[in-house]
């Protein structure tokens, strides 16, 4: 006897991997942009550029690894994409874009 639910289950690792690679990198960029502009010392803080540069891969790989906890690749794309849209919009507004 076969289970109908299990026979329709498809692997979602490719979609999750692409979401983590593309949207995760964009999310790491915007998180570091918030830290760079609004963190201690502001954008002109001494040695902050080097710290930001080294933190991006750590954030990106952390986000990338967490994408496999989503139930589906669609959910990963929607949540990471939504987070990116909200954070980039907020950053644009805070920087005087409107």
N, C-alpha and C. Protein backbone atom coordinates (compact mmCIF):
# COMPACT_ATOMS: atom_id res chain seq x y z
N UNK A 1 0.84 -1.16 0.00
CA UNK A 1 0.00 0.00 0.00
C UNK A 1 0.90 1.25 0.00
N UNK A 2 0.67 2.15 -0.95
CA UNK A 2 1.47 3.37 -1.02
C UNK A 2 0.68 4.55 -0.47
N UNK A 3 1.40 5.42 0.12
CA UNK A 3 0.80 6.62 0.68
C UNK A 3 0.77 7.71 -0.40
N UNK A 4 -0.41 8.26 -0.67
CA UNK A 4 -0.56 9.25 -1.73
C UNK A 4 0.22 10.52 -1.41
N UNK A 5 0.24 10.93 -0.17
CA UNK A 5 0.96 12.15 0.21
C UNK A 5 2.46 12.02 -0.05
N UNK A 6 3.03 10.88 0.29
CA UNK A 6 4.46 10.69 0.11
C UNK A 6 4.85 10.56 -1.36
N UNK A 7 3.95 10.04 -2.20
CA UNK A 7 4.29 9.87 -3.60
C UNK A 7 4.33 11.20 -4.34
N UNK A 8 3.63 12.22 -3.84
CA UNK A 8 3.63 13.54 -4.47
C UNK A 8 4.72 14.45 -3.91
N UNK A 9 5.37 14.04 -2.89
CA UNK A 9 6.39 14.88 -2.26
C UNK A 9 7.60 14.98 -3.19
N UNK A 10 8.00 16.22 -3.46
CA UNK A 10 9.14 16.45 -4.34
C UNK A 10 10.28 17.07 -3.54
N UNK A 11 11.50 16.77 -3.91
CA UNK A 11 12.61 17.40 -3.21
C UNK A 11 12.64 18.90 -3.50
N UNK A 12 12.85 19.68 -2.47
CA UNK A 12 12.85 21.13 -2.63
C UNK A 12 14.21 21.75 -2.35
N UNK A 13 15.24 20.94 -2.33
CA UNK A 13 16.55 21.45 -1.98
C UNK A 13 17.09 22.44 -3.00
N UNK A 14 16.77 22.26 -4.29
CA UNK A 14 17.28 23.17 -5.31
C UNK A 14 16.66 24.56 -5.15
N UNK A 15 15.36 24.63 -4.97
CA UNK A 15 14.69 25.91 -4.77
C UNK A 15 15.14 26.61 -3.50
N UNK A 16 15.31 25.83 -2.44
CA UNK A 16 15.78 26.40 -1.18
C UNK A 16 17.22 26.88 -1.31
N UNK A 17 18.04 26.12 -2.02
CA UNK A 17 19.44 26.52 -2.21
C UNK A 17 19.54 27.82 -3.00
N UNK A 18 18.75 27.94 -4.05
CA UNK A 18 18.78 29.17 -4.84
C UNK A 18 18.25 30.36 -4.04
N UNK A 19 17.20 30.14 -3.25
CA UNK A 19 16.68 31.22 -2.40
C UNK A 19 17.73 31.65 -1.39
N UNK A 20 18.39 30.69 -0.77
CA UNK A 20 19.43 31.03 0.20
C UNK A 20 20.62 31.72 -0.43
N UNK A 21 20.99 31.27 -1.63
CA UNK A 21 22.15 31.87 -2.29
C UNK A 21 21.85 33.29 -2.76
N UNK A 22 20.75 33.48 -3.43
CA UNK A 22 20.45 34.80 -4.00
C UNK A 22 19.85 35.77 -2.98
N UNK A 23 18.73 35.36 -2.41
CA UNK A 23 18.06 36.25 -1.47
C UNK A 23 18.80 36.35 -0.14
N UNK A 24 19.48 35.27 0.23
CA UNK A 24 20.29 35.31 1.46
C UNK A 24 21.44 36.29 1.35
N UNK A 25 22.06 36.36 0.18
CA UNK A 25 23.15 37.31 -0.02
C UNK A 25 22.63 38.75 0.04
N UNK A 26 21.49 38.99 -0.61
CA UNK A 26 20.89 40.33 -0.56
C UNK A 26 20.49 40.71 0.87
N UNK A 27 20.00 39.74 1.61
CA UNK A 27 19.63 39.99 3.00
C UNK A 27 20.86 40.30 3.85
N UNK A 28 21.96 39.59 3.61
CA UNK A 28 23.20 39.87 4.34
C UNK A 28 23.71 41.28 4.01
N UNK A 29 23.59 41.69 2.74
CA UNK A 29 24.02 43.04 2.35
C UNK A 29 23.22 44.11 3.08
N UNK A 30 21.90 43.97 3.12
CA UNK A 30 21.08 45.01 3.73
C UNK A 30 21.24 45.03 5.25
N UNK A 31 21.42 43.87 5.86
CA UNK A 31 21.66 43.85 7.31
C UNK A 31 22.96 44.56 7.65
N UNK A 32 23.98 44.35 6.84
CA UNK A 32 25.25 45.03 7.09
C UNK A 32 25.15 46.51 6.75
N UNK A 33 24.31 46.88 5.81
CA UNK A 33 24.11 48.30 5.49
C UNK A 33 23.47 49.02 6.68
N UNK A 34 22.49 48.36 7.31
CA UNK A 34 21.88 48.96 8.50
C UNK A 34 22.93 49.13 9.60
N UNK A 35 23.76 48.12 9.80
CA UNK A 35 24.79 48.22 10.82
C UNK A 35 25.81 49.30 10.47
N UNK A 36 26.19 49.37 9.21
CA UNK A 36 27.18 50.35 8.79
C UNK A 36 26.68 51.78 8.99
N UNK A 37 25.45 52.04 8.65
CA UNK A 37 24.93 53.41 8.74
C UNK A 37 24.44 53.77 10.13
N UNK A 38 23.82 52.83 10.81
CA UNK A 38 23.16 53.16 12.08
C UNK A 38 23.79 52.50 13.29
N UNK A 39 24.86 51.75 13.10
CA UNK A 39 25.55 51.11 14.21
C UNK A 39 26.47 52.09 14.91
N UNK A 40 27.26 51.59 15.85
CA UNK A 40 28.16 52.46 16.61
C UNK A 40 29.11 53.25 15.71
N UNK A 41 29.14 54.54 15.90
CA UNK A 41 30.05 55.39 15.15
C UNK A 41 29.54 55.82 13.79
N UNK A 42 28.44 55.29 13.34
CA UNK A 42 27.92 55.66 12.02
C UNK A 42 28.78 55.13 10.90
N UNK A 43 28.58 55.70 9.73
CA UNK A 43 29.28 55.21 8.53
C UNK A 43 30.76 55.57 8.54
N UNK A 44 31.15 56.60 9.27
CA UNK A 44 32.54 57.05 9.26
C UNK A 44 33.39 56.47 10.38
N UNK A 45 32.90 55.46 11.07
CA UNK A 45 33.67 54.88 12.18
C UNK A 45 34.95 54.22 11.65
N UNK A 46 35.98 54.35 12.43
CA UNK A 46 37.28 53.79 12.05
C UNK A 46 37.23 52.26 12.04
N UNK A 47 37.78 51.64 11.03
CA UNK A 47 37.89 50.19 10.87
C UNK A 47 36.54 49.48 10.73
N UNK A 48 35.47 50.21 10.56
CA UNK A 48 34.16 49.59 10.43
C UNK A 48 33.99 48.92 9.07
N UNK A 49 34.63 49.45 8.06
CA UNK A 49 34.52 48.89 6.71
C UNK A 49 35.06 47.46 6.69
N UNK A 50 36.19 47.26 7.31
CA UNK A 50 36.79 45.93 7.35
C UNK A 50 35.90 44.95 8.09
N UNK A 51 35.33 45.37 9.21
CA UNK A 51 34.44 44.52 9.99
C UNK A 51 33.21 44.14 9.16
N UNK A 52 32.62 45.12 8.49
CA UNK A 52 31.45 44.86 7.66
C UNK A 52 31.77 43.88 6.54
N UNK A 53 32.93 44.04 5.94
CA UNK A 53 33.33 43.16 4.85
C UNK A 53 33.44 41.71 5.31
N UNK A 54 33.97 41.51 6.51
CA UNK A 54 34.15 40.15 7.01
C UNK A 54 32.86 39.56 7.56
N UNK A 55 31.91 40.39 7.93
CA UNK A 55 30.66 39.88 8.49
C UNK A 55 29.67 39.42 7.42
N UNK A 56 29.77 39.95 6.21
CA UNK A 56 28.82 39.57 5.16
C UNK A 56 28.84 38.07 4.88
N UNK A 57 30.00 37.43 4.68
CA UNK A 57 29.96 35.98 4.44
C UNK A 57 29.42 35.19 5.63
N UNK A 58 29.70 35.64 6.85
CA UNK A 58 29.17 34.93 8.02
C UNK A 58 27.65 35.02 8.08
N UNK A 59 27.12 36.20 7.83
CA UNK A 59 25.66 36.35 7.79
C UNK A 59 25.05 35.56 6.65
N UNK A 60 25.66 35.66 5.48
CA UNK A 60 25.14 34.98 4.30
C UNK A 60 25.09 33.46 4.51
N UNK A 61 26.15 32.90 5.01
CA UNK A 61 26.17 31.44 5.21
C UNK A 61 25.22 31.02 6.32
N UNK A 62 25.02 31.87 7.31
CA UNK A 62 24.04 31.56 8.36
C UNK A 62 22.63 31.55 7.79
N UNK A 63 22.31 32.56 7.00
CA UNK A 63 20.99 32.62 6.36
C UNK A 63 20.82 31.45 5.40
N UNK A 64 21.86 31.19 4.62
CA UNK A 64 21.82 30.10 3.65
C UNK A 64 21.54 28.76 4.33
N UNK A 65 22.18 28.52 5.44
CA UNK A 65 21.96 27.24 6.13
C UNK A 65 20.57 27.15 6.75
N UNK A 66 20.02 28.28 7.15
CA UNK A 66 18.68 28.27 7.76
C UNK A 66 17.56 28.11 6.74
N UNK A 67 17.85 28.30 5.45
CA UNK A 67 16.80 28.15 4.44
C UNK A 67 16.30 26.72 4.34
N UNK A 68 17.08 25.76 4.76
CA UNK A 68 16.64 24.37 4.69
C UNK A 68 15.63 24.02 5.78
N UNK A 69 15.38 24.94 6.69
CA UNK A 69 14.37 24.72 7.72
C UNK A 69 12.96 25.09 7.23
N UNK A 70 12.86 25.77 6.09
CA UNK A 70 11.55 26.08 5.54
C UNK A 70 10.88 24.80 5.05
N UNK A 71 9.55 24.79 5.08
CA UNK A 71 8.80 23.61 4.65
C UNK A 71 8.87 23.38 3.15
N UNK A 72 8.97 24.45 2.38
CA UNK A 72 9.02 24.32 0.92
C UNK A 72 9.90 25.42 0.35
N UNK A 73 10.27 25.24 -0.91
CA UNK A 73 11.07 26.28 -1.55
C UNK A 73 10.23 27.54 -1.78
N UNK A 74 8.94 27.37 -2.03
CA UNK A 74 8.05 28.52 -2.20
C UNK A 74 8.02 29.37 -0.94
N UNK A 75 7.94 28.71 0.20
CA UNK A 75 7.93 29.43 1.47
C UNK A 75 9.26 30.17 1.68
N UNK A 76 10.37 29.55 1.32
CA UNK A 76 11.68 30.19 1.45
C UNK A 76 11.76 31.42 0.58
N UNK A 77 11.33 31.31 -0.67
CA UNK A 77 11.36 32.46 -1.58
C UNK A 77 10.46 33.58 -1.08
N UNK A 78 9.24 33.24 -0.62
CA UNK A 78 8.31 34.27 -0.17
C UNK A 78 8.81 34.99 1.08
N UNK A 79 9.28 34.24 2.06
CA UNK A 79 9.71 34.86 3.31
C UNK A 79 11.00 35.66 3.11
N UNK A 80 11.99 35.08 2.46
CA UNK A 80 13.24 35.81 2.23
C UNK A 80 13.03 37.00 1.30
N UNK A 81 12.21 36.81 0.28
CA UNK A 81 11.90 37.92 -0.63
C UNK A 81 11.15 39.03 0.08
N UNK A 82 10.19 38.66 0.92
CA UNK A 82 9.45 39.66 1.69
C UNK A 82 10.34 40.42 2.65
N UNK A 83 11.21 39.70 3.33
CA UNK A 83 12.16 40.36 4.24
C UNK A 83 13.05 41.35 3.49
N UNK A 84 13.52 40.93 2.32
CA UNK A 84 14.35 41.82 1.51
C UNK A 84 13.59 43.07 1.09
N UNK A 85 12.36 42.88 0.63
CA UNK A 85 11.58 44.05 0.19
C UNK A 85 11.32 45.01 1.34
N UNK A 86 10.96 44.48 2.50
CA UNK A 86 10.69 45.34 3.66
C UNK A 86 11.95 46.07 4.10
N UNK A 87 13.06 45.37 4.24
CA UNK A 87 14.29 45.99 4.73
C UNK A 87 14.88 46.99 3.73
N UNK A 88 14.87 46.65 2.44
CA UNK A 88 15.38 47.60 1.45
C UNK A 88 14.49 48.84 1.37
N UNK A 89 13.18 48.66 1.48
CA UNK A 89 12.26 49.81 1.48
C UNK A 89 12.49 50.68 2.71
N UNK A 90 12.63 50.05 3.87
CA UNK A 90 12.89 50.80 5.10
C UNK A 90 14.20 51.57 5.01
N UNK A 91 15.23 50.94 4.49
CA UNK A 91 16.52 51.60 4.34
C UNK A 91 16.41 52.79 3.38
N UNK A 92 15.68 52.61 2.29
CA UNK A 92 15.49 53.68 1.32
C UNK A 92 14.76 54.86 1.96
N UNK A 93 13.75 54.57 2.74
CA UNK A 93 12.98 55.63 3.42
C UNK A 93 13.85 56.34 4.46
N UNK A 94 14.59 55.58 5.25
CA UNK A 94 15.44 56.18 6.28
C UNK A 94 16.57 57.03 5.69
N UNK A 95 17.02 56.68 4.51
CA UNK A 95 18.10 57.43 3.88
C UNK A 95 17.57 58.66 3.15
N UNK A 96 16.27 58.93 3.30
CA UNK A 96 15.69 60.14 2.71
C UNK A 96 15.23 59.96 1.28
N UNK A 97 14.85 58.74 0.93
CA UNK A 97 14.43 58.45 -0.43
C UNK A 97 13.07 58.98 -0.81
N UNK A 98 12.22 59.22 0.16
CA UNK A 98 10.87 59.72 -0.18
C UNK A 98 10.70 61.17 0.18
